[in-house]
C-alpha atoms as a PDB file:
ATOM      1  CA  UNK A   1    -125.695 -56.986  49.637  1.00  0.00           C
ATOM      2  CA  UNK A   2    -129.481 -57.009  49.810  1.00  0.00           C
ATOM      3  CA  UNK A   3    -132.174 -57.740  47.251  1.00  0.00           C
ATOM      4  CA  UNK A   4    -134.025 -54.754  45.827  1.00  0.00           C
ATOM      5  CA  UNK A   5    -137.758 -54.919  45.279  1.00  0.00           C
ATOM      6  CA  UNK A   6    -138.719 -52.771  42.296  1.00  0.00           C
ATOM      7  CA  UNK A   7    -142.380 -51.944  41.652  1.00  0.00           C
ATOM      8  CA  UNK A   8    -143.170 -50.756  38.133  1.00  0.00           C
ATOM      9  CA  UNK A   9    -146.014 -50.482  35.629  1.00  0.00           C
ATOM     10  CA  UNK A  10    -145.907 -51.654  32.033  1.00  0.00           C
ATOM     11  CA  UNK A  11    -146.184 -48.612  29.797  1.00  0.00           C
ATOM     12  CA  UNK A  12    -144.963 -46.177  32.451  1.00  0.00           C
ATOM     13  CA  UNK A  13    -142.477 -43.727  30.884  1.00  0.00           C
ATOM     14  CA  UNK A  14    -140.790 -43.129  34.247  1.00  0.00           C
ATOM     15  CA  UNK A  15    -140.296 -46.874  34.725  1.00  0.00           C
ATOM     16  CA  UNK A  16    -138.848 -47.244  31.220  1.00  0.00           C
ATOM     17  CA  UNK A  17    -136.441 -44.399  31.981  1.00  0.00           C
ATOM     18  CA  UNK A  18    -135.491 -46.067  35.288  1.00  0.00           C
ATOM     19  CA  UNK A  19    -134.838 -49.366  33.484  1.00  0.00           C
ATOM     20  CA  UNK A  20    -132.595 -47.601  30.969  1.00  0.00           C
ATOM     21  CA  UNK A  21    -130.664 -45.791  33.709  1.00  0.00           C
ATOM     22  CA  UNK A  22    -130.262 -49.008  35.725  1.00  0.00           C
ATOM     23  CA  UNK A  23    -128.697 -50.694  32.687  1.00  0.00           C
ATOM     24  CA  UNK A  24    -126.379 -47.726  32.177  1.00  0.00           C
ATOM     25  CA  UNK A  25    -125.318 -47.842  35.827  1.00  0.00           C
ATOM     26  CA  UNK A  26    -124.675 -51.587  35.634  1.00  0.00           C
ATOM     27  CA  UNK A  27    -122.489 -51.019  32.567  1.00  0.00           C
ATOM     28  CA  UNK A  28    -120.581 -48.197  34.266  1.00  0.00           C
ATOM     29  CA  UNK A  29    -120.282 -50.064  37.596  1.00  0.00           C
ATOM     30  CA  UNK A  30    -120.241 -53.848  37.039  1.00  0.00           C
ATOM     31  CA  UNK A  31    -120.642 -54.508  40.779  1.00  0.00           C
ATOM     32  CA  UNK A  32    -124.232 -53.225  40.495  1.00  0.00           C
ATOM     33  CA  UNK A  33    -125.102 -56.089  38.145  1.00  0.00           C
ATOM     34  CA  UNK A  34    -124.628 -58.494  41.077  1.00  0.00           C
ATOM     35  CA  UNK A  35    -127.507 -56.929  43.041  1.00  0.00           C
ATOM     36  CA  UNK A  36    -130.583 -59.146  42.943  1.00  0.00           C
ATOM     37  CA  UNK A  37    -133.564 -57.072  41.771  1.00  0.00           C
ATOM     38  CA  UNK A  38    -137.065 -58.487  42.121  1.00  0.00           C
ATOM     39  CA  UNK A  39    -139.171 -56.635  39.546  1.00  0.00           C
ATOM     40  CA  UNK A  40    -142.876 -56.620  40.318  1.00  0.00           C
ATOM     41  CA  UNK A  41    -145.461 -55.337  37.865  1.00  0.00           C
ATOM     42  CA  UNK A  42    -147.965 -53.554  40.077  1.00  0.00           C
ATOM     43  CA  UNK A  43    -151.163 -54.463  38.200  1.00  0.00           C
ATOM     44  CA  UNK A  44    -150.203 -58.113  37.783  1.00  0.00           C
ATOM     45  CA  UNK A  45    -149.334 -58.396  41.489  1.00  0.00           C
ATOM     46  CA  UNK A  46    -151.862 -56.037  43.073  1.00  0.00           C
ATOM     47  CA  UNK A  47    -152.245 -58.076  46.267  1.00  0.00           C
ATOM     48  CA  UNK A  48    -148.511 -57.942  46.930  1.00  0.00           C
ATOM     49  CA  UNK A  49    -148.236 -54.265  45.928  1.00  0.00           C
ATOM     50  CA  UNK A  50    -150.988 -53.350  48.398  1.00  0.00           C
ATOM     51  CA  UNK A  51    -148.770 -54.556  51.269  1.00  0.00           C
ATOM     52  CA  UNK A  52    -146.265 -51.774  50.520  1.00  0.00           C
ATOM     53  CA  UNK A  53    -146.857 -48.110  51.354  1.00  0.00           C
ATOM     54  CA  UNK A  54    -146.263 -46.198  48.137  1.00  0.00           C
ATOM     55  CA  UNK A  55    -148.221 -44.273  45.528  1.00  0.00           C
ATOM     56  CA  UNK A  56    -145.852 -43.658  42.603  1.00  0.00           C
ATOM     57  CA  UNK A  57    -143.728 -45.942  40.448  1.00  0.00           C
ATOM     58  CA  UNK A  58    -140.947 -46.691  39.971  1.00  0.00           C
ATOM     59  CA  UNK A  59    -140.557 -47.569  43.618  1.00  0.00           C
ATOM     60  CA  UNK A  60    -137.572 -49.333  45.203  1.00  0.00           C
ATOM     61  CA  UNK A  61    -137.423 -51.129  48.554  1.00  0.00           C
ATOM     62  CA  UNK A  62    -134.971 -53.146  50.616  1.00  0.00           C
ATOM     63  CA  UNK A  63    -137.118 -55.244  52.900  1.00  0.00           C
ATOM     64  CA  UNK A  64    -139.543 -52.828  54.578  1.00  0.00           C
ATOM     65  CA  UNK A  65    -137.458 -49.730  53.853  1.00  0.00           C
ATOM     66  CA  UNK A  66    -138.558 -47.555  50.951  1.00  0.00           C
ATOM     67  CA  UNK A  67    -135.497 -46.141  49.178  1.00  0.00           C
ATOM     68  CA  UNK A  68    -137.093 -44.254  46.298  1.00  0.00           C
ATOM     69  CA  UNK A  69    -140.553 -43.485  44.918  1.00  0.00           C
ATOM     70  CA  UNK A  70    -141.524 -41.727  41.682  1.00  0.00           C
ATOM     71  CA  UNK A  71    -139.588 -40.309  38.748  1.00  0.00           C
ATOM     72  CA  UNK A  72    -135.889 -40.970  39.218  1.00  0.00           C
ATOM     73  CA  UNK A  73    -132.634 -39.443  38.124  1.00  0.00           C
ATOM     74  CA  UNK A  74    -129.510 -41.460  37.467  1.00  0.00           C
ATOM     75  CA  UNK A  75    -128.003 -40.043  40.670  1.00  0.00           C
ATOM     76  CA  UNK A  76    -131.003 -41.166  42.746  1.00  0.00           C
ATOM     77  CA  UNK A  77    -130.861 -44.646  41.260  1.00  0.00           C
ATOM     78  CA  UNK A  78    -127.151 -44.837  41.939  1.00  0.00           C
ATOM     79  CA  UNK A  79    -127.893 -44.033  45.594  1.00  0.00           C
ATOM     80  CA  UNK A  80    -130.448 -46.878  45.647  1.00  0.00           C
ATOM     81  CA  UNK A  81    -127.885 -49.307  44.180  1.00  0.00           C
ATOM     82  CA  UNK A  82    -125.169 -48.083  46.558  1.00  0.00           C
ATOM     83  CA  UNK A  83    -127.513 -48.717  49.484  1.00  0.00           C
ATOM     84  CA  UNK A  84    -128.224 -52.270  48.260  1.00  0.00           C
ATOM     85  CA  UNK A  85    -124.484 -52.980  47.893  1.00  0.00           C
ATOM     86  CA  UNK A  86    -123.641 -51.691  51.362  1.00  0.00           C
ATOM     87  CA  UNK A  87    -126.603 -53.304  53.138  1.00  0.00           C
END
């Protein structure tokens, strides 16, 4: 299992939707709640965010591998969580 890095913006409707779907997935699949997720607000951590190659939030990474960028569906987020579990 690997830690996810999750870039988001306060006030972003796509990030709020991603947060809601992540909670739903953790409820449906309790093993997902064990995945460490490092949430990073992009504006508050601009120097760190600039080290990653992405344009849209929400954006999910494992190490240097980008798993998802931009508006997400529940299925796409499940794939991100599955990847973190199996890594």
